Protein backbone atom coordinates (compact mmCIF):
# COMPACT_ATOMS: atom_id res chain seq x y z
CA GLN A 1 122.47 149.00 118.37
CA ASP A 2 122.64 147.70 114.72
CA PHE A 3 121.00 144.11 115.15
CA ILE A 4 118.50 141.88 117.26
CA VAL A 5 118.40 138.37 117.77
CA ILE A 6 114.95 136.90 118.20
CA ASP A 7 113.92 133.62 119.43
CA GLY A 8 111.42 132.45 117.19
CA MET A 9 109.44 129.79 119.38
CA GLY A 10 109.52 132.39 122.18
CA ILE A 11 107.21 134.29 119.86
CA ALA A 12 105.10 132.01 118.02
CA ASN A 13 104.43 130.73 121.79
CA GLN A 14 102.91 134.36 122.75
CA LEU A 15 100.89 133.80 119.45
CA LYS A 16 96.84 134.09 120.17
CA MET A 17 94.82 131.94 118.22
CA SER A 18 92.14 135.07 117.25
CA PRO A 19 89.29 134.45 114.88
CA ASP A 20 90.61 135.77 111.41
CA ILE A 21 93.24 132.99 112.29
CA VAL A 22 91.55 129.89 110.16
CA THR A 23 95.16 128.64 108.15
CA LEU A 24 98.27 127.86 109.13
CA GLU A 25 99.11 130.22 106.68
CA ASP A 26 96.84 133.42 108.01
CA LEU A 27 98.70 131.83 111.31
CA SER A 28 102.51 132.51 109.57
CA LYS A 29 101.03 136.20 108.68
CA GLN A 30 100.17 136.79 112.45
CA PHE A 31 103.82 135.69 113.41
CA THR A 32 105.79 137.78 110.54
CA LYS A 33 104.21 140.91 111.53
CA ARG A 34 105.11 140.23 114.91
CA ILE A 35 108.41 139.24 113.73
CA ILE A 36 108.39 142.43 112.28
CA ASP A 37 107.06 144.87 114.61
CA GLU A 38 109.70 143.88 116.91
CA THR A 39 112.99 144.25 114.58
CA SER A 40 111.01 148.03 112.82
CA LEU A 41 114.45 149.57 114.73
CA TYR A 42 117.03 146.95 113.47
CA PRO A 43 118.39 147.21 110.17
CA LYS A 44 119.87 143.57 111.54
CA VAL A 45 117.76 140.56 112.31
CA VAL A 46 118.90 137.21 113.84
CA LEU A 47 115.81 135.05 114.34
CA VAL A 48 116.33 131.27 115.79
CA PHE A 49 114.41 128.56 115.93
CA ASP A 50 115.67 125.26 118.10
CA ARG A 51 115.78 121.98 115.97
CA TYR A 52 112.91 119.70 116.28
CA ASP A 53 114.48 116.43 115.15
CA GLN A 54 112.35 113.00 116.29
CA SER A 55 115.09 111.12 115.40
CA LEU A 56 117.56 112.34 118.07
CA SER A 57 117.38 109.53 121.24
CA ASN A 58 117.92 112.00 124.38
CA LEU A 59 116.54 113.25 127.43
CA LYS A 60 114.44 116.51 126.34
CA LYS A 61 112.97 114.09 123.99
CA GLN A 62 112.36 111.81 126.39
CA THR A 63 110.93 115.13 128.72
CA TRP A 64 109.19 116.16 126.04
CA CYS A 65 107.18 112.81 125.58
CA ASP A 66 106.61 112.50 128.82
CA ARG A 67 104.78 116.09 129.29
CA HIS A 68 102.90 115.60 126.45
CA LYS A 69 101.19 112.23 126.15
CA ASN A 70 98.49 113.26 123.87
CA GLN A 71 100.56 114.62 121.31
CA ILE A 72 98.74 114.95 117.82
CA GLU A 73 100.89 115.10 114.59
CA TYR A 74 98.79 116.88 111.57
CA LYS A 75 99.51 116.90 108.26
CA LEU A 76 100.28 120.60 108.08
CA SER A 77 100.24 123.07 104.88
CA GLU A 78 99.77 125.96 104.05
CA ARG A 79 96.01 125.93 103.95
CA THR A 80 95.58 123.80 106.75
CA ILE A 81 92.51 124.64 108.53
CA ILE A 82 93.17 125.80 111.86
CA LYS A 83 90.76 127.03 113.68
CA ASN A 84 89.61 124.99 115.87
CA ILE A 85 92.53 123.96 117.40
CA LYS A 86 94.24 124.97 120.43
CA LEU A 87 97.81 126.58 120.02
CA LYS A 88 99.16 124.28 122.37
CA GLU A 89 98.01 121.08 121.15
CA LEU A 90 98.93 122.34 117.64
CA MET A 91 102.22 122.64 118.88
CA SER A 92 102.48 119.62 121.01
CA HIS A 93 103.59 117.69 118.46
CA PRO A 94 107.74 118.25 117.43
CA GLU A 95 106.55 117.13 113.79
CA ASN A 96 104.66 120.00 113.71
CA LYS A 97 106.82 122.83 115.65
CA LYS A 98 109.38 121.65 112.49
CA ILE A 99 106.88 122.66 110.03
CA MET A 100 105.73 125.54 111.69
CA CYS A 101 109.26 126.82 112.24
CA GLN A 102 109.57 126.07 108.21
CA PHE A 103 106.67 128.21 106.96
CA PHE A 104 107.36 131.05 109.82
CA SER A 105 110.89 131.30 108.29
CA LYS A 106 110.20 131.25 104.93
CA MET A 107 107.69 133.99 105.70
CA VAL A 108 110.09 136.04 107.50
CA MET A 109 112.62 135.69 105.38
CA ALA A 110 110.20 137.05 102.34
CA GLU A 111 109.61 139.95 104.36
CA LEU A 112 112.78 141.16 105.75
CA GLY A 113 114.13 140.74 102.31
CA SER A 114 111.63 143.06 100.78
CA LEU A 115 111.93 145.79 103.75
CA HIS A 116 115.82 145.10 102.67
CA LYS A 117 116.58 144.52 106.14
CA LEU A 118 119.90 141.81 106.68
CA PHE A 119 118.89 138.99 108.47
CA ILE A 120 120.26 135.30 109.74
CA ILE A 121 117.07 132.63 109.91
CA VAL A 122 118.41 129.49 111.82
CA GLN A 123 115.91 126.61 111.54
CA GLY A 124 115.97 123.27 111.13
CA THR A 125 119.64 122.61 110.33
CA GLU A 126 119.71 125.18 108.07
CA ILE A 127 121.05 128.72 107.93
CA LEU A 128 119.73 131.18 106.23
CA SER A 129 120.92 134.90 105.33
CA ASN A 130 121.19 137.47 102.31
CA MET A 131 124.33 139.11 104.54
CA PRO A 132 127.31 139.18 101.77
CA GLU A 133 129.88 137.81 104.59
CA TRP A 134 127.67 135.10 105.98
CA GLU A 135 129.16 131.84 104.76
CA ILE A 136 127.65 128.86 106.92
CA GLU A 137 124.61 126.89 105.46
CA THR A 138 124.10 124.55 107.74
CA HIS A 139 124.83 123.67 111.74
CA SER A 140 124.72 120.55 113.72
CA GLN A 141 122.90 122.47 117.26
CA HIS A 142 119.70 121.32 118.95
CA GLU A 143 118.68 124.00 120.90
CA ALA A 144 118.95 127.73 119.68
CA ASP A 145 120.75 129.07 122.93
CA THR A 146 123.86 127.18 121.90
CA LEU A 147 123.39 128.28 118.28
CA LEU A 148 123.52 131.43 119.36
CA LEU A 149 126.92 131.18 121.04
CA CYS A 150 127.77 129.32 117.83
CA ILE A 151 126.83 132.37 115.54
């Protein structure tokens, strides 16, 4: 096979908050290393994240709110200190997940580019790619699995 497809939030949920993870940038580096390790045998990488759009009023959003009654929205930046926050708590609010996906995507994109790998990264409504034949830049899907069918 010449490409691999990765569920970005699936990998993010497997990360561990080790003592060396102090900032969101540190967590992004851990995420990026994991993606690079997972994709080492493939020249092309497709990394897909779910959309975390709070303006939606749908069943998934309602179910999410019911399960995560103690959601905490953090004001996240790359330098935000997260060492005392559990990953589950950090990812309990859709806005936190949205921002984390943006940071993860940005760092992975830079690293894959430096390794001369071809990539498609889907986060939010954006589709970022360095593949010459790829022309789609936005999408309207909400779930990574249905988006994969479109790609």
